[in-house]
Amino acid sequence: MRTRRPRRGGRLTTAALLLPLLAMPAALAHGIGGKDAAFVAAANGPELFAFAYLGAKHMVTGVDHLLFLAGIIFFLYRLKHVALYVTLFSLGHSATLLAGVLLNLSVNAYFVDALIGLSIVYKAFDNLDGFHTLFGLRPDPRIAIPLFGLAHGFGLATKLLALAPPPEALAVNLVAFNVGVEIGQLLALSLLFALIAAWRRTTSFARLAIPINAALLAAGILITELQVHGMIANGG
């Protein structure tokens, strides 16, 4: 009897899901730099489309955000559940992004990025059923996810404040930026959900689901440790 070979689509999907983990250095440098930073620092009037583009670009190139989103939807099968949790995350993310910049509220960037790393650790550990196994209970994701959304938004607000954008038209530009972030999140989420849905139809999903989430857990721990070390080294 011939052994059934795994479907090629399953291998390709798994490889696509591993790419963010292989791009970990980008996650650790997640911010706004170069020409984008110079543009934000010099914008002294309404630049709605430009800020919306920057918001979308920030989201789709933010490996830390993408890893957390992948963890959220990894074991979700219904679109209504995906919509619920992503909406909760977006509400938290948008609240601290807007409030942080407009009210000039910022904290140590390393500290916030460490919290973002912990959000990845939380979701991967939850996907591995670690909370139930060790503690006999599971944190309600309807509470945990928006709380971590607050951390993600605060991290972005801190990075924007560091650029000292001019106050002229800051509010409208910031709203446009946030709209861009949500558009980028929707695009990234749609691709991630399609990849995971396709992967579930292959024989490799059941075999690799645990190793993938273990790798996700390790990535979150790595991000957290490096940010804590950075905070200590810089006197945070």
Protein backbone atom coordinates (compact mmCIF):
# COMPACT_ATOMS: atom_id res chain seq x y z
CA MET A 1 0.00 0.00 0.00
CA ARG A 2 1.43 3.40 -1.02
CA THR A 3 1.78 6.09 1.59
CA ARG A 4 -0.32 9.12 0.81
CA ARG A 5 1.87 12.12 0.09
CA PRO A 6 0.94 15.45 1.70
CA ARG A 7 -0.79 17.85 -0.63
CA ARG A 8 1.52 20.47 -2.08
CA GLY A 9 -0.91 23.20 -1.07
CA GLY A 10 -0.45 22.24 2.56
CA ARG A 11 3.33 22.63 2.32
CA LEU A 12 3.02 26.00 0.60
CA THR A 13 0.50 27.27 3.14
CA THR A 14 2.67 26.16 6.05
CA ALA A 15 5.69 27.89 4.51
CA ALA A 16 3.66 31.09 4.07
CA LEU A 17 2.61 31.01 7.72
CA LEU A 18 6.24 30.57 8.80
CA LEU A 19 7.48 33.60 6.86
CA PRO A 20 6.63 36.11 9.63
CA LEU A 21 8.66 34.01 12.07
CA LEU A 22 11.62 34.01 9.70
CA ALA A 23 11.28 37.80 9.40
CA MET A 24 11.66 38.33 13.15
CA PRO A 25 14.27 41.12 12.81
CA ALA A 26 11.61 43.25 11.10
CA ALA A 27 9.35 42.80 14.12
CA LEU A 28 12.03 44.06 16.47
CA ALA A 29 12.55 47.17 14.34
CA HIS A 30 8.84 47.81 13.90
CA GLY A 31 8.32 51.53 13.69
CA ILE A 32 8.20 54.46 11.32
CA GLY A 33 11.54 55.45 9.91
CA GLY A 34 13.37 56.90 6.94
CA LYS A 35 11.37 59.02 4.51
CA ASP A 36 8.11 58.09 6.23
CA ALA A 37 9.34 59.47 9.55
CA ALA A 38 10.56 62.66 7.87
CA PHE A 39 7.18 63.10 6.18
CA VAL A 40 5.24 62.69 9.44
CA ALA A 41 7.53 65.11 11.26
CA ALA A 42 7.10 67.76 8.54
CA ALA A 43 3.37 67.41 7.77
CA ASN A 44 1.80 70.73 8.78
CA GLY A 45 -1.53 70.34 6.99
CA PRO A 46 -4.12 67.72 6.02
CA GLU A 47 -2.49 64.76 4.24
CA LEU A 48 -5.31 62.24 4.43
CA PHE A 49 -4.34 59.82 1.68
CA ALA A 50 -0.66 59.87 2.59
CA PHE A 51 -1.37 59.15 6.26
CA ALA A 52 -3.87 56.42 5.36
CA TYR A 53 -1.18 54.81 3.19
CA LEU A 54 1.36 55.03 6.01
CA GLY A 55 -1.12 53.43 8.42
CA ALA A 56 -1.80 50.53 6.07
CA LYS A 57 1.91 50.11 5.37
CA HIS A 58 2.69 50.08 9.09
CA MET A 59 0.19 47.31 9.71
CA VAL A 60 1.11 44.98 6.84
CA THR A 61 4.84 45.28 7.60
CA GLY A 62 4.41 44.94 11.37
CA VAL A 63 5.36 41.33 12.05
CA ASP A 64 4.49 41.61 15.74
CA HIS A 65 0.92 42.67 14.93
CA LEU A 66 0.60 39.98 12.26
CA LEU A 67 1.79 37.24 14.62
CA PHE A 68 -0.80 38.26 17.19
CA LEU A 69 -3.56 38.34 14.56
CA ALA A 70 -2.49 34.91 13.28
CA GLY A 71 -2.71 33.57 16.82
CA ILE A 72 -6.20 35.04 17.25
CA ILE A 73 -7.68 33.41 14.16
CA PHE A 74 -5.65 30.19 14.15
CA PHE A 75 -8.45 28.01 15.55
CA LEU A 76 -11.42 30.16 14.49
CA TYR A 77 -13.62 28.55 11.88
CA ARG A 78 -16.53 31.00 11.61
CA LEU A 79 -16.27 34.47 10.15
CA LYS A 80 -18.55 35.89 12.84
CA HIS A 81 -16.04 34.81 15.50
CA VAL A 82 -13.16 36.30 13.51
CA ALA A 83 -15.13 39.54 13.16
CA LEU A 84 -15.89 39.63 16.90
CA TYR A 85 -12.33 39.22 18.15
CA VAL A 86 -10.75 41.42 15.51
CA THR A 87 -13.30 44.15 16.21
CA LEU A 88 -12.49 43.97 19.92
CA PHE A 89 -8.78 44.20 19.12
CA SER A 90 -9.36 47.13 16.76
CA LEU A 91 -11.39 49.06 19.34
CA GLY A 92 -8.60 48.76 21.89
CA HIS A 93 -5.93 49.52 19.30
CA SER A 94 -7.74 52.60 17.94
CA ALA A 95 -8.58 53.99 21.39
CA THR A 96 -5.00 54.17 22.65
CA LEU A 97 -3.58 55.20 19.27
CA LEU A 98 -5.88 58.23 19.03
CA ALA A 99 -5.84 59.13 22.73
CA GLY A 100 -2.10 58.60 23.09
CA VAL A 101 -1.17 61.02 20.30
CA LEU A 102 -3.89 63.64 20.78
CA LEU A 103 -3.44 63.78 24.57
CA ASN A 104 0.35 63.47 24.32
CA LEU A 105 0.42 60.30 26.41
CA SER A 106 3.43 58.07 25.96
CA VAL A 107 5.34 55.47 27.91
CA ASN A 108 8.66 53.73 27.45
CA ALA A 109 8.64 52.26 23.93
CA TYR A 110 10.56 49.16 25.04
CA PHE A 111 7.98 48.50 27.76
CA VAL A 112 5.07 48.71 25.33
CA ASP A 113 6.82 46.50 22.78
CA ALA A 114 7.46 43.98 25.56
CA LEU A 115 3.70 43.94 26.23
CA ILE A 116 3.11 43.33 22.54
CA GLY A 117 5.49 40.37 22.75
CA LEU A 118 3.53 39.10 25.75
CA SER A 119 0.32 39.35 23.74
CA ILE A 120 1.80 36.89 21.25
CA VAL A 121 2.89 34.63 24.12
CA TYR A 122 -0.61 34.75 25.60
CA LYS A 123 -2.39 33.79 22.37
CA ALA A 124 0.04 31.03 21.42
CA PHE A 125 -0.12 29.58 24.96
CA ASP A 126 -3.91 29.77 24.80
CA ASN A 127 -3.93 27.98 21.44
CA LEU A 128 -1.78 25.24 22.99
CA ASP A 129 -4.41 24.89 25.75
CA GLY A 130 -1.74 25.80 28.27
CA PHE A 131 -4.01 27.79 30.59
CA HIS A 132 -6.53 24.97 30.95
CA THR A 133 -3.82 22.33 31.34
CA LEU A 134 -1.83 24.18 34.01
CA PHE A 135 -4.48 26.22 35.80
CA GLY A 136 -7.78 24.51 34.97
CA LEU A 137 -9.22 27.68 33.46
CA ARG A 138 -8.90 29.86 30.39
CA PRO A 139 -8.82 33.67 30.28
CA ASP A 140 -11.85 35.07 28.46
CA PRO A 141 -10.48 36.18 25.05
CA ARG A 142 -13.26 38.78 24.85
CA ILE A 143 -11.45 40.56 27.69
CA ALA A 144 -7.83 39.65 27.02
CA ILE A 145 -7.77 40.53 23.31
CA PRO A 146 -9.04 44.14 23.61
CA LEU A 147 -6.67 44.70 26.56
CA PHE A 148 -3.74 43.66 24.42
CA GLY A 149 -5.20 45.82 21.65
CA LEU A 150 -4.73 48.76 24.00
CA ALA A 151 -1.03 47.87 24.28
CA HIS A 152 -0.63 47.58 20.51
CA GLY A 153 -2.22 51.00 19.99
CA PHE A 154 -0.15 52.60 22.73
CA GLY A 155 3.00 51.24 21.12
CA LEU A 156 2.14 52.91 17.84
CA ALA A 157 1.15 56.15 19.58
CA THR A 158 4.51 56.22 21.34
CA LYS A 159 6.36 55.83 18.05
CA LEU A 160 4.31 58.61 16.42
CA LEU A 161 4.88 60.99 19.34
CA ALA A 162 8.62 60.39 19.10
CA LEU A 163 8.48 61.98 15.63
CA ALA A 164 7.00 65.20 17.11
CA PRO A 165 4.41 65.76 14.34
CA PRO A 166 3.20 69.38 13.96
CA PRO A 167 -0.13 70.10 15.69
CA GLU A 168 -1.66 71.54 12.50
CA ALA A 169 -4.26 69.09 11.17
CA LEU A 170 -2.83 66.43 13.47
CA ALA A 171 -6.27 65.14 14.47
CA VAL A 172 -7.52 64.56 10.92
CA ASN A 173 -4.19 63.10 9.82
CA LEU A 174 -4.24 60.77 12.78
CA VAL A 175 -7.78 59.60 11.99
CA ALA A 176 -6.67 58.94 8.39
CA PHE A 177 -3.65 57.04 9.71
CA ASN A 178 -5.90 54.92 11.93
CA VAL A 179 -8.24 54.21 9.01
CA GLY A 180 -5.20 53.07 7.05
CA VAL A 181 -4.14 50.81 9.92
CA GLU A 182 -7.57 49.15 9.94
CA ILE A 183 -7.55 48.75 6.14
CA GLY A 184 -4.10 47.17 6.31
CA GLN A 185 -5.27 44.92 9.13
CA LEU A 186 -8.29 43.81 7.09
CA LEU A 187 -6.12 43.00 4.08
CA ALA A 188 -3.57 41.09 6.16
CA LEU A 189 -6.28 39.30 8.09
CA SER A 190 -8.09 38.24 4.92
CA LEU A 191 -4.90 36.71 3.54
CA LEU A 192 -4.06 34.98 6.84
CA PHE A 193 -7.58 33.57 7.19
CA ALA A 194 -7.56 32.30 3.59
CA LEU A 195 -4.17 30.62 4.10
CA ILE A 196 -5.21 28.96 7.35
CA ALA A 197 -8.56 27.87 5.89
CA ALA A 198 -6.76 26.28 2.94
CA TRP A 199 -4.26 24.63 5.27
CA ARG A 200 -7.04 23.04 7.34
CA ARG A 201 -8.09 21.05 4.28
CA THR A 202 -4.74 19.29 4.17
CA THR A 203 -3.38 16.43 6.26
CA SER A 204 -0.56 18.55 7.62
CA PHE A 205 -2.72 20.88 9.72
CA ALA A 206 -3.33 18.45 12.58
CA ARG A 207 0.34 17.43 12.52
CA LEU A 208 1.82 20.93 12.46
CA ALA A 209 -0.70 23.03 14.39
CA ILE A 210 1.06 22.44 17.71
CA PRO A 211 4.63 23.03 16.38
CA ILE A 212 3.51 26.23 14.64
CA ASN A 213 1.96 27.58 17.83
CA ALA A 214 5.03 26.51 19.79
CA ALA A 215 7.12 28.55 17.33
CA LEU A 216 4.68 31.44 17.78
CA LEU A 217 5.14 31.16 21.54
CA ALA A 218 8.93 31.19 21.16
CA ALA A 219 8.74 34.25 18.90
CA GLY A 220 6.67 36.12 21.48
CA ILE A 221 9.12 35.21 24.24
CA LEU A 222 12.05 36.37 22.09
CA ILE A 223 10.39 39.73 21.35
CA THR A 224 9.58 40.22 25.04
CA GLU A 225 13.07 39.33 26.25
CA LEU A 226 14.84 41.58 23.77
CA GLN A 227 12.57 44.53 24.55
CA VAL A 228 13.09 44.05 28.31
CA HIS A 229 16.85 43.93 27.78
CA GLY A 230 16.62 47.08 25.65
CA MET A 231 14.62 48.84 28.35
CA ILE A 232 17.18 47.91 31.03
CA ALA A 233 20.14 48.87 28.83
CA ASN A 234 18.61 52.28 28.11
CA GLY A 235 17.72 52.99 31.72
CA GLY A 236 13.98 52.56 31.25
